[in-house]
Protein backbone atom coordinates (compact mmCIF):
# COMPACT_ATOMS: atom_id res chain seq x y z
CA MET A 1 0.00 0.00 0.00
CA THR A 2 1.10 3.58 -0.46
CA LEU A 3 0.61 6.51 1.86
CA SER A 4 0.97 10.26 1.52
CA GLY A 5 -0.13 13.32 3.40
CA THR A 6 0.80 16.17 5.66
CA ASP A 7 0.50 16.60 9.41
CA GLY A 8 -0.60 20.24 9.32
CA LEU A 9 2.79 21.34 10.68
CA SER A 10 4.49 21.56 7.25
CA CYS A 11 5.72 17.97 7.34
CA ASN A 12 5.00 15.96 4.19
CA VAL A 13 5.02 12.15 4.25
CA THR A 14 5.11 9.63 1.41
CA GLY A 15 5.83 5.96 1.64
CA THR A 16 5.02 2.32 1.11
CA PHE A 17 4.10 -0.71 3.20
CA THR A 18 4.85 -3.86 1.19
CA GLN A 19 3.55 -7.16 2.56
CA GLU A 20 6.35 -9.58 3.43
CA GLY A 21 5.65 -13.04 2.06
CA ASN A 22 2.29 -14.58 1.27
CA ASN A 23 1.72 -17.23 3.93
CA ALA A 24 -0.40 -16.85 7.07
CA ALA A 25 2.63 -16.29 9.31
CA ASN A 26 3.69 -13.20 7.32
CA LEU A 27 0.38 -11.53 6.47
CA ASN A 28 0.83 -8.84 9.13
CA VAL A 29 4.51 -8.04 8.45
CA PHE A 30 5.55 -5.32 6.01
CA ASP A 31 8.74 -3.89 4.54
CA THR A 32 8.42 -0.12 4.98
CA SER A 33 9.90 2.95 3.35
CA ILE A 34 8.64 6.36 4.52
CA THR A 35 10.10 9.69 3.38
CA PHE A 36 9.68 12.89 5.42
CA THR A 37 10.15 16.32 3.83
CA GLY A 38 9.48 19.84 5.03
CA THR A 39 9.73 21.33 8.49
CA GLY A 40 8.28 20.02 11.72
CA CYS A 41 8.90 16.36 10.85
CA PRO A 42 9.67 13.81 13.60
CA VAL A 43 12.57 12.51 11.48
CA THR A 44 14.25 13.72 8.31
CA GLY A 45 14.92 11.78 5.13
CA THR A 46 13.75 8.23 4.56
CA LEU A 47 12.96 5.71 7.29
CA THR A 48 13.19 2.08 6.16
CA GLY A 49 12.51 -1.03 8.19
CA LEU A 50 9.70 -3.36 9.21
CA GLY A 51 6.07 -2.60 9.91
CA PHE A 52 2.91 -4.22 11.19
CA GLU A 53 -0.81 -3.48 11.57
CA SER A 54 -2.70 -3.60 14.87
CA ASN A 55 -6.01 -2.57 16.43
CA VAL A 56 -4.08 -1.67 19.60
CA ASP A 57 -2.79 1.88 20.16
CA TYR A 58 0.61 0.92 21.58
CA ILE A 59 1.84 4.52 21.76
CA GLY A 60 -1.40 5.90 23.24
CA PHE A 61 -0.98 9.32 21.67
CA ASP A 62 -4.67 10.24 21.51
CA ASN A 63 -6.51 6.96 22.25
CA ASN A 64 -8.39 6.85 18.95
CA PRO A 65 -9.77 3.49 17.82
CA GLY A 66 -7.65 1.45 15.34
CA PRO A 67 -6.50 0.15 13.04
CA PHE A 68 -2.95 1.48 13.30
CA LEU A 69 0.13 0.96 11.15
CA TYR A 70 3.52 0.88 12.85
CA ALA A 71 6.89 1.35 11.15
CA VAL A 72 10.09 0.49 13.01
CA SER A 73 13.36 1.83 11.61
CA SER A 74 16.12 -0.64 10.81
CA SER A 75 18.84 1.98 11.41
CA SER A 76 17.64 4.09 14.37
CA ALA A 77 15.37 4.02 17.42
CA ASP A 78 12.46 5.62 15.52
CA VAL A 79 8.97 4.11 15.66
CA ILE A 80 6.19 5.71 13.65
CA GLU A 81 2.46 5.21 14.37
CA ILE A 82 0.07 5.92 11.50
CA GLN A 83 -3.67 6.02 11.88
């Protein structure tokens, strides 16, 4: 799947979540690539790594109902929650 948008703070986001494998054990695991441009972004450049989907708000930012997408960087301590 592809994603794009802005957070209202001049941060633009584009990216992809590509399903890893096609068997039942891998249906909820994704290769991710998310690029952040503009000002006010939580990270700069492109975050690549693994992702997953969940109905649980693990970060608890605003307690909205799911589903949520999570992207975990393979090269830093960054974790991104997308709703």
